[in-house]
């Protein structure tokens, strides 16, 4: 049981790492979209 539980923890950590990567990518994409929208907005102001 103890030996098996270690692999479960590793699996969870791998999933968390994948989720973190996905989350970071999503945040980056969102920031890019926000920057593009701000650029358009600034052109209208000027």
N, C-alpha and C. Protein backbone atom coordinates (compact mmCIF):
# COMPACT_ATOMS: atom_id res chain seq x y z
N UNK A 1 0.83 -1.21 0.00
CA UNK A 1 0.00 0.00 0.00
C UNK A 1 0.87 1.27 0.00
N UNK A 2 1.86 1.28 0.88
CA UNK A 2 2.69 2.49 1.00
C UNK A 2 3.43 2.76 -0.31
N UNK A 3 3.97 1.70 -0.92
CA UNK A 3 4.72 1.88 -2.17
C UNK A 3 3.80 2.39 -3.27
N UNK A 4 2.56 1.90 -3.28
CA UNK A 4 1.60 2.32 -4.31
C UNK A 4 1.18 3.77 -4.14
N UNK A 5 1.06 4.22 -2.89
CA UNK A 5 0.58 5.58 -2.65
C UNK A 5 1.56 6.62 -3.18
N UNK A 6 2.83 6.28 -3.22
CA UNK A 6 3.83 7.22 -3.74
C UNK A 6 3.57 7.55 -5.20
N UNK A 7 3.20 6.52 -5.98
CA UNK A 7 2.95 6.75 -7.41
C UNK A 7 1.70 7.58 -7.61
N UNK A 8 0.73 7.44 -6.71
CA UNK A 8 -0.49 8.25 -6.82
C UNK A 8 -0.15 9.72 -6.60
N UNK A 9 0.70 9.99 -5.62
CA UNK A 9 1.12 11.37 -5.34
C UNK A 9 1.84 11.94 -6.57
N UNK A 10 2.72 11.13 -7.17
CA UNK A 10 3.46 11.57 -8.35
C UNK A 10 2.49 11.89 -9.48
N UNK A 11 1.48 11.04 -9.65
CA UNK A 11 0.49 11.24 -10.71
C UNK A 11 -0.26 12.55 -10.47
N UNK A 12 -0.65 12.79 -9.23
CA UNK A 12 -1.36 14.03 -8.91
C UNK A 12 -0.48 15.24 -9.21
N UNK A 13 0.80 15.13 -8.83
CA UNK A 13 1.71 16.25 -9.06
C UNK A 13 1.86 16.52 -10.55
N UNK A 14 1.93 15.45 -11.35
CA UNK A 14 2.03 15.62 -12.80
C UNK A 14 0.79 16.33 -13.34
N UNK A 15 -0.38 15.93 -12.85
CA UNK A 15 -1.62 16.57 -13.30
C UNK A 15 -1.65 18.04 -12.89
N UNK A 16 -1.18 18.33 -11.69
CA UNK A 16 -1.14 19.72 -11.23
C UNK A 16 -0.19 20.53 -12.10
N UNK A 17 0.94 19.93 -12.48
CA UNK A 17 1.91 20.62 -13.33
C UNK A 17 1.29 20.91 -14.69
N UNK A 18 0.56 19.93 -15.25
CA UNK A 18 -0.11 20.13 -16.53
C UNK A 18 -1.15 21.24 -16.40
N UNK A 19 -1.92 21.21 -15.33
CA UNK A 19 -2.96 22.22 -15.11
C UNK A 19 -2.33 23.60 -14.98
N UNK A 20 -1.22 23.67 -14.24
CA UNK A 20 -0.53 24.95 -14.05
C UNK A 20 -0.05 25.49 -15.39
N UNK A 21 0.50 24.61 -16.23
CA UNK A 21 0.96 25.04 -17.56
C UNK A 21 -0.20 25.55 -18.39
N UNK A 22 -1.32 24.82 -18.36
CA UNK A 22 -2.50 25.23 -19.10
C UNK A 22 -2.99 26.59 -18.60
N UNK A 23 -3.01 26.75 -17.28
CA UNK A 23 -3.49 28.00 -16.68
C UNK A 23 -2.60 29.16 -17.09
N UNK A 24 -1.27 28.95 -17.03
CA UNK A 24 -0.33 30.01 -17.40
C UNK A 24 -0.49 30.39 -18.86
N UNK A 25 -0.69 29.39 -19.72
CA UNK A 25 -0.89 29.66 -21.15
C UNK A 25 -2.16 30.48 -21.34
N UNK A 26 -3.23 30.11 -20.63
CA UNK A 26 -4.51 30.82 -20.74
C UNK A 26 -4.35 32.26 -20.29
N UNK A 27 -3.62 32.48 -19.19
CA UNK A 27 -3.41 33.84 -18.69
C UNK A 27 -2.64 34.65 -19.72
N UNK A 28 -1.62 34.04 -20.32
CA UNK A 28 -0.83 34.73 -21.33
C UNK A 28 -1.70 35.13 -22.53
N UNK A 29 -2.55 34.19 -22.96
CA UNK A 29 -3.44 34.49 -24.10
C UNK A 29 -4.39 35.61 -23.73
N UNK A 30 -4.94 35.57 -22.52
CA UNK A 30 -5.86 36.62 -22.07
C UNK A 30 -5.16 37.97 -22.04
N UNK A 31 -3.92 38.00 -21.54
CA UNK A 31 -3.17 39.25 -21.48
C UNK A 31 -2.93 39.79 -22.88
N UNK A 32 -2.63 38.88 -23.83
CA UNK A 32 -2.39 39.31 -25.20
C UNK A 32 -3.65 39.95 -25.78
N UNK A 33 -4.80 39.32 -25.53
CA UNK A 33 -6.07 39.86 -26.03
C UNK A 33 -6.35 41.22 -25.40
N UNK A 34 -6.09 41.34 -24.10
CA UNK A 34 -6.31 42.61 -23.40
C UNK A 34 -5.42 43.69 -24.01
N UNK A 35 -4.15 43.36 -24.28
CA UNK A 35 -3.22 44.33 -24.85
C UNK A 35 -3.67 44.76 -26.24
N UNK A 36 -4.15 43.82 -27.04
CA UNK A 36 -4.64 44.14 -28.39
C UNK A 36 -5.84 45.09 -28.27
N UNK A 37 -6.76 44.79 -27.36
CA UNK A 37 -7.94 45.64 -27.17
C UNK A 37 -7.53 47.03 -26.69
N UNK A 38 -6.53 47.10 -25.81
CA UNK A 38 -6.06 48.40 -25.32
C UNK A 38 -5.45 49.19 -26.46
N UNK A 39 -4.69 48.52 -27.34
CA UNK A 39 -4.08 49.20 -28.48
C UNK A 39 -5.16 49.82 -29.36
N UNK A 40 -6.22 49.07 -29.64
CA UNK A 40 -7.32 49.58 -30.47
C UNK A 40 -7.96 50.78 -29.77
N UNK A 41 -8.18 50.63 -28.47
CA UNK A 41 -8.83 51.66 -27.68
C UNK A 41 -8.00 52.95 -27.70
N UNK A 42 -6.68 52.81 -27.53
CA UNK A 42 -5.80 53.97 -27.51
C UNK A 42 -5.81 54.70 -28.85
N UNK A 43 -5.92 53.97 -29.95
CA UNK A 43 -5.96 54.62 -31.27
C UNK A 43 -7.20 55.50 -31.39
N UNK A 44 -8.31 55.02 -30.81
CA UNK A 44 -9.54 55.81 -30.90
C UNK A 44 -9.44 57.07 -30.04
N UNK A 45 -8.75 56.96 -28.91
CA UNK A 45 -8.63 58.12 -28.01
C UNK A 45 -7.78 59.19 -28.68
N UNK A 46 -6.69 58.79 -29.30
CA UNK A 46 -5.76 59.73 -29.96
C UNK A 46 -6.32 60.12 -31.32
